[in-house]
Every structure is written in structure tokens, then in C-alpha cells.
Amino acid sequence: MTKLLLRRNVPYTIMLAVILLSSGFQPGPKTIVLHGEHLSVTPKEFYIADVVDERENRNEIAWLLPVAGKDNTQLKPYPADLEGGGLKAIKQFIERSLPKNKALRPVTIRLKKFVVIETYLTGGRVEGHISLTMSFDLQRGNDDPMHLADYSGSANYNRKAGPPQEIEPTLRRVLEDGLLYLNTWMDKQADTNIKLAKEVKVTFTDYKEKKEDDTIYYSAKRPLTWDDFKADVPSSKYDAESFPGFGYYEHAEVVKGILKVELAIKVYLPKSASWVKDYARTPYALNHEQRHFDIVKIVAEHFKKKISTEPLPVSNFEGPINVEYLESFREMNRLQKQYDNETRHGSDQTAQQRWNDKIDAELGVKR
């Protein structure tokens, strides 16, 4: 009985092998070994600090077709993946392909899509389509990453249905194209893109208009006159009133990787908001109003000094500038109130002289 069973198993095994081979079954590994090679370029602006897998399907990257049956029966595709898994293999490929110079900008690659789909052609051949989508982010220490650019690439190939390793060169080329795209983008953008600026340098100018209109912009060569007080006189216990203030106009551009920020400081006084009673048009009263204007100039200089001594982050240089401006605005209101209280709106001549001397010293004026 034992011999009889063995004899029956032999033809059964042979028959099974024939059926599997004729049906297009492909023995062997279903993994693809991704070979690394140095790219033709050496990045000068970045290095790859990390690769993050954000694919919707993080399983196998490829769906490949086996050899069709003898009757040209089209079989279902089988899954194949990179050796070690897609993310691990791609990380290793990048590490072998690009040098990691940590003195450069750290970039994270977010892998959005990497998939291979094949379809049958005639003559025992298949056509494959590879799709790759990546996003590139700049790492910024403790701050959130900054998105730089996106890349979408693809490639088609035509081959005989067979071992999965045959598609490796095309896979490698698609990945290389994505890395070359990033290198080209960084080289072009490094000197002028604000996202890639290495540091911030601030300069200041005094805002001026070619032709004076309603607004007077502060100048030591242009003191106030009573003709500047254009507003109708309201019902008030005071003899005169003016409303100076300050702001700034900002212009920013990146030059050779440096974010240059120019702040044009506006210390101004609107004529249409300033008024004086006829009997009060005296040099003494005009000096009191001029000192209100001078105080704003002093506060603006304080603002410039604070900004000049504070390191500004490239990612949010406007934040500290806005904060210091609000603080300076509060300082301006506090000093104006203190000035009027101590001089009793100019009626205390001794206190007025003390403030005159104090303001001249701040402005560096000798009288």
C-alpha cells in the first residue's frame, strides 16, 4: 500500500508544477533591491535631514504582472515592494546618493505617493507606469517646518513580464529626478527666496515726501509754525493742541541669502488736526507744541535702537518689530501725558524749561 501511494504522488506533483508554470506563476522573491549611486551633483544649499512617509497606502509600492498563460490569459497583478520596505529603502537610497553636509539647510522630504502599476500588452509584454509625489520642508529648529516646494514625477517603461528586479533602474531614475529637481530649485531660490534667508539685517531711513501736503514729517530743519495749525478751534480750555504720532513703512527683500528689511520711520503731524486760538499765537506757546513733536521723534529713536539690538528670526521678523512698535506707542502716550502734567500744559515756565533742556539733550541739540 505504501508503494502504491508514492507512485500516485509522483504524477500528481508533476501535474501541479505543469499547471502552475502554464498559468504564469512566477517563483522567486517579490522584493526589489534599490541600488544606491552618487548623483551627478553635490548639493550646496541643503541636505536631507529626514524622510517622512505620508502615502495613503504604505504597503507594497508595485503591482506587477506575471507572464500570461499559454492561451494569453491575463492574470491578476501581484504586489512587490522595495527590500526592507518602501520608506526604509528610500531613506537608504538617499543616504547613498547625496552627501549630508549638516552645515547646510536641513530639508525634510514628505513622501506623498510612490506607486507602480502595470498593464498587459501584446506579445507577452507589459507596460508600467511609475508615479512619484514629494513635498519638501525646511526644518527650523523648534519652529514648525516651512514648506518649500512640491514635486510630481513619472515614468513609463515597456518590458517582458518577469522578475520584479527588472524595473529597478526605472524606479531609481524617478527618485533621482526628484532629488535633482530639489537641488535645482534650491540653487535658484537660495539667494532671493525669503523662506531660505539665513539672517535678517535692518536699516532705517526717515520717511519723506517730495511735496509737503497736509502731513508734516519731522525734520530738524523744518520746525512748526502757527500756519501749520489748520483745524477749526473747538470749545476747549486749552489754547492750542496738536496730535503728532509715528509709524513706519516696511520694505523687505532677500539679497544673496540675507533678508534686508528697510524701515522708513514716519514721525508726523497732521495740520488738519492741529489748532490754536488767535490770542495764543506766541513763540512760547509754539515752543510747547514743538516739544510734543520732539517727544515723538525721541520715542521713534528709542524704537529704532530696540530693533537694532534685537536679533530677528527670519521666519517671523515682523513679530518682534510689531511688538516693539506697540511698546513704543505706549511710551509715546505716557511721555506726552507726563510732559503736559508736569508743565501744566506749558503754564509752568520752570517745568517747561526743564523739559526743553531734557528734550534737547535727547536729540543732541545745543541751543
Protein backbone atom coordinates (compact mmCIF):
# COMPACT_ATOMS: atom_id res chain seq x y z
CA MET A 1 0.00 0.00 0.00
CA THR A 2 2.83 2.38 0.80
CA LYS A 3 4.48 1.90 -2.60
CA LEU A 4 1.19 2.45 -4.33
CA LEU A 5 0.69 5.84 -2.61
CA LEU A 6 4.17 7.00 -3.55
CA ARG A 7 3.59 6.16 -7.18
CA ARG A 8 0.37 8.15 -7.18
CA ASN A 9 2.10 11.24 -5.68
CA VAL A 10 4.74 11.45 -8.37
CA PRO A 11 2.45 12.18 -11.32
CA TYR A 12 0.34 14.48 -9.11
CA THR A 13 3.39 16.62 -8.27
CA ILE A 14 4.43 16.79 -11.89
CA MET A 15 0.94 17.75 -12.95
CA LEU A 16 0.78 20.53 -10.32
CA ALA A 17 4.07 22.00 -11.49
CA VAL A 18 2.87 21.98 -15.08
CA ILE A 19 -0.36 23.74 -14.12
CA LEU A 20 1.46 26.46 -12.13
CA LEU A 21 4.00 27.15 -14.83
CA SER A 22 1.43 27.26 -17.59
CA SER A 23 -0.71 29.65 -15.57
CA GLY A 24 2.04 32.25 -15.41
CA PHE A 25 3.14 31.60 -11.83
CA GLN A 26 6.49 33.27 -11.18
CA PRO A 27 8.58 31.78 -8.40
CA GLY A 28 11.24 33.78 -6.62
CA PRO A 29 11.35 36.92 -4.43
CA LYS A 30 8.74 39.65 -4.74
CA THR A 31 11.06 42.37 -3.48
CA ILE A 32 13.08 44.90 -5.42
CA VAL A 33 16.60 45.78 -4.30
CA LEU A 34 17.08 49.52 -4.82
CA HIS A 35 20.71 50.19 -5.67
CA GLY A 36 22.30 53.42 -4.50
CA GLU A 37 24.58 55.59 -6.57
CA HIS A 38 26.03 59.06 -6.18
CA LEU A 39 24.17 61.72 -8.10
CA SER A 40 25.95 63.84 -10.65
CA VAL A 41 25.61 66.92 -8.41
CA THR A 42 26.66 67.83 -4.88
CA PRO A 43 24.09 69.98 -3.05
CA LYS A 44 25.44 73.36 -1.98
CA GLU A 45 22.33 74.67 -0.21
CA PHE A 46 20.76 71.74 1.66
CA TYR A 47 21.00 68.23 2.98
CA ILE A 48 18.23 65.68 3.52
CA ALA A 49 17.64 65.51 7.25
CA ASP A 50 14.67 63.16 7.20
CA VAL A 51 12.15 61.34 5.02
CA VAL A 52 8.56 61.02 6.24
CA ASP A 53 6.09 58.55 4.77
CA GLU A 54 2.73 60.22 4.11
CA ARG A 55 1.45 57.84 1.41
CA GLU A 56 -2.20 56.85 1.66
CA ASN A 57 -1.19 53.22 1.07
CA ARG A 58 2.05 52.40 2.84
CA ASN A 59 2.10 48.77 1.77
CA GLU A 60 3.81 47.49 -1.37
CA ILE A 61 4.76 50.11 -3.94
CA ALA A 62 4.26 47.97 -7.06
CA TRP A 63 1.57 45.82 -8.63
CA LEU A 64 3.32 43.75 -11.27
CA LEU A 65 2.04 41.32 -13.86
CA PRO A 66 3.16 37.71 -14.22
CA VAL A 67 3.73 36.02 -17.59
CA ALA A 68 0.37 35.37 -19.17
CA GLY A 69 -0.81 31.79 -19.67
CA LYS A 70 -0.32 29.90 -22.94
CA ASP A 71 -3.78 30.93 -24.01
CA ASN A 72 -2.80 34.59 -23.33
CA THR A 73 -4.92 34.63 -20.22
CA GLN A 74 -4.32 37.91 -18.42
CA LEU A 75 -3.63 37.19 -14.77
CA LYS A 76 -4.04 39.36 -11.71
CA PRO A 77 -1.09 41.55 -10.68
CA TYR A 78 0.92 40.57 -7.64
CA PRO A 79 2.34 43.00 -5.03
CA ALA A 80 6.05 43.76 -4.85
CA ASP A 81 7.90 46.10 -2.53
CA LEU A 82 11.34 47.55 -2.07
CA GLU A 83 13.61 45.41 0.04
CA GLY A 84 13.20 46.33 3.69
CA GLY A 85 10.04 48.32 2.95
CA GLY A 86 9.43 51.44 0.89
CA LEU A 87 10.38 54.10 3.44
CA LYS A 88 13.50 52.34 4.71
CA ALA A 89 14.74 51.59 1.21
CA ILE A 90 14.21 55.17 0.01
CA LYS A 91 15.99 56.58 3.06
CA GLN A 92 18.95 54.30 2.40
CA PHE A 93 18.94 55.23 -1.27
CA ILE A 94 19.07 58.96 -0.46
CA GLU A 95 21.82 58.48 2.10
CA ARG A 96 23.92 56.69 -0.50
CA SER A 97 23.09 59.17 -3.26
CA LEU A 98 23.55 62.55 -1.54
CA PRO A 99 26.25 63.72 0.89
CA LYS A 100 24.91 65.00 4.22
CA ASN A 101 26.62 68.32 4.98
CA LYS A 102 24.98 69.50 8.20
CA ALA A 103 26.40 72.98 7.76
CA LEU A 104 23.73 73.48 5.08
CA ARG A 105 19.94 73.84 5.41
CA PRO A 106 18.14 70.74 6.75
CA VAL A 107 15.30 69.60 4.47
CA THR A 108 12.63 67.00 5.15
CA ILE A 109 11.12 65.01 2.29
CA ARG A 110 7.47 64.11 2.74
CA LEU A 111 6.73 61.12 0.52
CA LYS A 112 3.17 61.56 -0.75
CA LYS A 113 2.99 58.90 -3.47
CA PHE A 114 5.24 56.22 -4.95
CA VAL A 115 3.41 53.55 -6.91
CA VAL A 116 3.91 51.28 -9.92
CA ILE A 117 1.02 49.95 -11.99
CA GLU A 118 1.38 47.57 -14.96
CA THR A 119 -0.94 46.63 -17.82
CA TYR A 120 -0.66 43.86 -20.39
CA LEU A 121 0.46 44.49 -23.96
CA THR A 122 0.63 42.03 -26.83
CA GLY A 123 3.47 39.61 -27.35
CA GLY A 124 3.98 38.75 -23.71
CA ARG A 125 4.98 42.28 -22.76
CA VAL A 126 3.69 44.68 -20.14
CA GLU A 127 3.67 48.45 -19.81
CA GLY A 128 4.42 50.03 -16.45
CA HIS A 129 3.69 53.49 -15.09
CA ILE A 130 5.57 54.89 -12.08
CA SER A 131 4.21 57.91 -10.17
CA LEU A 132 6.17 59.84 -7.54
CA THR A 133 4.98 62.82 -5.49
CA MET A 134 7.05 64.51 -2.80
CA SER A 135 6.93 67.68 -0.74
CA PHE A 136 9.99 69.45 0.65
CA ASP A 137 10.04 71.24 4.02
CA LEU A 138 12.74 73.33 5.64
CA GLN A 139 13.43 72.35 9.25
CA ARG A 140 13.63 75.36 11.59
CA GLY A 141 14.72 74.13 15.00
CA ASN A 142 11.89 74.41 17.48
CA ASP A 143 9.62 76.19 14.99
CA ASP A 144 7.22 74.40 12.68
CA PRO A 145 8.74 73.25 9.38
CA MET A 146 8.35 75.64 6.45
CA HIS A 147 7.00 74.22 3.20
CA LEU A 148 9.31 74.93 0.29
CA ALA A 149 8.15 73.14 -2.85
CA ASP A 150 6.36 70.11 -4.31
CA TYR A 151 7.47 67.64 -6.93
CA SER A 152 5.49 65.25 -9.10
CA GLY A 153 7.31 62.96 -11.50
CA SER A 154 6.50 59.88 -13.54
CA ALA A 155 7.99 57.41 -15.96
CA ASN A 156 6.74 54.68 -18.31
CA TYR A 157 8.51 51.50 -19.27
CA ASN A 158 7.90 48.54 -21.54
CA ARG A 159 9.25 45.12 -20.64
CA LYS A 160 8.65 41.40 -20.77
CA ALA A 161 6.64 40.17 -17.84
CA GLY A 162 9.12 38.69 -15.45
CA PRO A 163 11.14 39.23 -12.26
CA PRO A 164 10.33 42.43 -10.33
CA GLN A 165 14.01 43.42 -10.15
CA GLU A 166 13.88 44.37 -13.82
CA ILE A 167 12.04 47.61 -13.04
CA GLU A 168 14.68 48.79 -10.52
CA PRO A 169 16.63 51.07 -12.91
CA THR A 170 13.45 52.98 -13.78
CA LEU A 171 12.47 53.29 -10.12
CA ARG A 172 15.92 54.63 -9.35
CA ARG A 173 15.75 57.15 -12.19
CA VAL A 174 12.41 58.53 -10.97
CA LEU A 175 13.79 59.03 -7.46
CA GLU A 176 16.94 60.63 -8.81
CA ASP A 177 14.87 63.05 -10.91
CA GLY A 178 13.03 64.15 -7.75
CA LEU A 179 16.28 64.81 -5.89
CA LEU A 180 17.77 66.66 -8.86
CA TYR A 181 14.64 68.82 -9.01
CA LEU A 182 15.10 69.77 -5.35
CA ASN A 183 18.76 70.60 -5.92
CA THR A 184 17.95 72.82 -8.91
CA TRP A 185 15.12 74.55 -7.04
CA MET A 186 17.31 75.29 -4.03
CA ASP A 187 20.15 76.64 -6.19
CA LYS A 188 17.78 79.02 -7.99
CA GLN A 189 15.92 80.17 -4.89
CA ALA A 190 18.70 80.38 -2.28
CA ASP A 191 19.69 83.99 -2.95
CA THR A 192 16.24 85.53 -3.32
CA ASN A 193 13.57 83.40 -1.61
CA ILE A 194 12.61 84.77 1.80
CA LYS A 195 11.98 81.23 3.06
CA LEU A 196 15.65 80.41 2.56
CA ALA A 197 17.16 83.60 4.02
CA LYS A 198 19.89 82.93 6.55
CA GLU A 199 19.64 86.11 8.63
CA VAL A 200 17.92 89.48 8.92
CA LYS A 201 19.59 92.88 8.63
CA VAL A 202 17.57 96.02 9.40
CA THR A 203 18.29 99.54 8.18
CA PHE A 204 16.39 102.75 8.93
CA THR A 205 15.54 105.85 6.96
CA ASP A 206 13.44 108.90 7.73
CA TYR A 207 10.32 108.93 5.61
CA LYS A 208 9.99 111.99 3.42
CA GLU A 209 7.58 113.24 0.78
CA LYS A 210 8.71 115.24 -2.22
CA LYS A 211 5.99 117.79 -1.71
CA GLU A 212 4.55 118.67 1.67
CA ASP A 213 0.79 118.41 1.89
CA ASP A 214 -1.40 118.16 4.99
CA THR A 215 1.09 115.98 6.84
CA ILE A 216 4.37 117.33 8.21
CA TYR A 217 7.16 114.76 8.56
CA TYR A 218 9.66 115.56 11.28
CA SER A 219 12.86 117.35 10.34
CA ALA A 220 15.16 119.43 12.50
CA LYS A 221 15.29 121.86 9.57
CA ARG A 222 11.53 122.19 9.47
CA PRO A 223 10.15 123.44 12.82
CA LEU A 224 6.45 124.07 13.33
CA THR A 225 4.88 127.42 12.57
CA TRP A 226 1.46 128.69 13.51
CA ASP A 227 0.47 128.40 9.86
CA ASP A 228 0.57 124.62 10.34
CA PHE A 229 -2.41 124.74 12.70
CA LYS A 230 -5.25 124.48 10.19
CA ALA A 231 -8.12 122.95 12.17
CA ASP A 232 -11.11 124.95 13.38
CA VAL A 233 -10.83 125.95 17.02
CA PRO A 234 -13.08 123.75 19.17
CA SER A 235 -14.62 124.61 22.52
CA SER A 236 -11.68 123.86 24.79
CA LYS A 237 -9.98 125.17 27.93
CA TYR A 238 -6.60 124.85 26.20
CA ASP A 239 -5.00 127.48 23.97
CA ALA A 240 -3.62 125.14 21.32
CA GLU A 241 -3.41 121.47 20.55
CA SER A 242 -1.55 119.20 18.13
CA PHE A 243 -1.57 115.46 17.56
CA PRO A 244 1.83 114.15 16.44
CA GLY A 245 2.39 110.42 16.01
CA PHE A 246 4.74 107.92 14.43
CA GLY A 247 4.66 104.79 12.29
CA TYR A 248 6.83 103.10 9.72
CA TYR A 249 6.85 101.84 6.15
CA GLU A 250 8.47 98.44 5.66
CA HIS A 251 10.27 97.09 2.63
CA ALA A 252 11.88 93.64 2.66
CA GLU A 253 13.87 91.76 0.06
CA VAL A 254 16.37 88.92 0.02
CA VAL A 255 19.80 89.70 -1.40
CA LYS A 256 22.35 86.89 -1.60
CA GLY A 257 20.58 84.94 1.12
CA ILE A 258 20.30 87.91 3.50
CA LEU A 259 16.84 89.27 4.34
CA LYS A 260 17.27 93.03 4.19
CA VAL A 261 14.50 94.95 5.93
CA GLU A 262 14.29 98.70 5.48
CA LEU A 263 12.08 100.63 7.88
CA ALA A 264 11.21 104.16 6.83
CA ILE A 265 10.26 105.85 10.09
CA LYS A 266 7.36 108.30 9.90
CA VAL A 267 7.26 110.94 12.65
CA TYR A 268 4.37 113.09 11.56
CA LEU A 269 1.93 115.80 12.49
CA PRO A 270 -1.33 116.43 10.55
CA LYS A 271 -2.06 120.11 10.00
CA SER A 272 -5.79 119.45 9.68
CA ALA A 273 -5.93 118.13 13.25
CA SER A 274 -3.93 120.96 14.87
CA TRP A 275 -5.49 124.18 16.11
CA VAL A 276 -4.65 127.36 18.06
CA LYS A 277 -6.66 130.26 19.45
CA ASP A 278 -5.79 133.63 17.95
CA TYR A 279 -4.62 135.24 21.17
CA ALA A 280 -2.28 132.27 21.91
CA ARG A 281 -0.06 132.62 18.83
CA THR A 282 3.11 133.35 20.84
CA PRO A 283 6.65 131.96 20.44
CA TYR A 284 6.41 130.43 23.93
CA ALA A 285 3.20 128.51 23.14
CA LEU A 286 4.59 127.40 19.78
CA ASN A 287 7.66 126.01 21.54
CA HIS A 288 5.39 123.97 23.81
CA GLU A 289 3.70 122.39 20.78
CA GLN A 290 7.02 121.84 19.04
CA ARG A 291 8.18 119.87 22.10
CA HIS A 292 5.22 117.49 21.68
CA PHE A 293 6.54 116.82 18.18
CA ASP A 294 10.11 116.42 19.52
CA ILE A 295 8.98 113.83 22.08
CA VAL A 296 7.60 111.66 19.31
CA LYS A 297 10.92 111.91 17.48
CA ILE A 298 12.70 110.74 20.65
CA VAL A 299 10.36 107.77 21.02
CA ALA A 300 10.94 106.84 17.39
CA GLU A 301 14.69 106.84 18.02
CA HIS A 302 14.14 104.56 21.02
CA PHE A 303 12.16 102.24 18.75
CA LYS A 304 14.99 102.12 16.21
CA LYS A 305 17.54 101.32 18.91
CA LYS A 306 15.46 98.44 20.27
CA ILE A 307 15.05 96.90 16.84
CA SER A 308 18.74 97.35 16.01
CA THR A 309 19.87 95.45 19.11
CA GLU A 310 17.34 92.60 18.89
CA PRO A 311 18.10 89.52 16.75
CA LEU A 312 15.16 88.99 14.43
CA PRO A 313 14.15 85.49 13.32
CA VAL A 314 13.91 85.01 9.57
CA SER A 315 10.70 83.01 9.94
CA ASN A 316 8.88 85.81 11.82
CA PHE A 317 10.90 89.01 11.65
CA GLU A 318 7.76 91.15 11.65
CA GLY A 319 6.57 89.78 15.01
CA PRO A 320 9.22 91.43 17.22
CA ILE A 321 9.01 94.64 15.16
CA ASN A 322 5.25 94.85 15.77
CA VAL A 323 5.70 94.16 19.49
CA GLU A 324 8.33 96.88 19.86
CA TYR A 325 6.19 99.32 17.91
CA LEU A 326 3.24 98.82 20.26
CA GLU A 327 5.53 99.25 23.27
CA SER A 328 6.92 102.46 21.77
CA PHE A 329 3.43 103.73 21.06
CA ARG A 330 2.58 103.26 24.75
CA GLU A 331 5.81 105.04 25.67
CA MET A 332 4.85 107.96 23.43
CA ASN A 333 1.43 108.35 25.07
CA ARG A 334 2.93 108.08 28.55
CA LEU A 335 5.60 110.71 27.87
CA GLN A 336 3.13 113.11 26.26
CA LYS A 337 0.85 112.86 29.26
CA GLN A 338 3.77 113.29 31.66
CA TYR A 339 5.00 116.32 29.75
CA ASP A 340 1.63 118.10 29.86
CA ASN A 341 1.07 117.22 33.51
CA GLU A 342 4.47 118.46 34.70
CA THR A 343 4.41 121.65 32.63
CA ARG A 344 0.67 122.13 33.27
CA HIS A 345 0.22 122.37 29.50
CA GLY A 346 3.02 124.95 29.32
CA SER A 347 1.80 127.31 32.01
CA ASP A 348 4.65 126.30 34.41
CA GLN A 349 7.61 128.02 32.78
CA THR A 350 10.20 126.48 35.11
CA ALA A 351 8.99 122.96 34.36
CA GLN A 352 8.77 123.84 30.68
CA GLN A 353 12.44 124.85 30.67
CA ARG A 354 13.43 121.59 32.37
CA TRP A 355 11.64 119.67 29.63
CA ASN A 356 13.22 121.87 26.94
CA ASP A 357 16.69 121.01 28.26
CA LYS A 358 15.84 117.32 28.64
CA ILE A 359 14.49 117.07 25.09
CA ASP A 360 17.44 118.98 23.59
CA ALA A 361 19.83 116.59 25.36
CA GLU A 362 18.00 113.54 23.98
CA LEU A 363 18.05 114.98 20.48
CA GLY A 364 21.67 116.09 20.76
CA VAL A 365 20.72 119.71 20.13
CA LYS A 366 22.73 122.63 21.50
CA ARG A 367 20.87 125.88 21.94
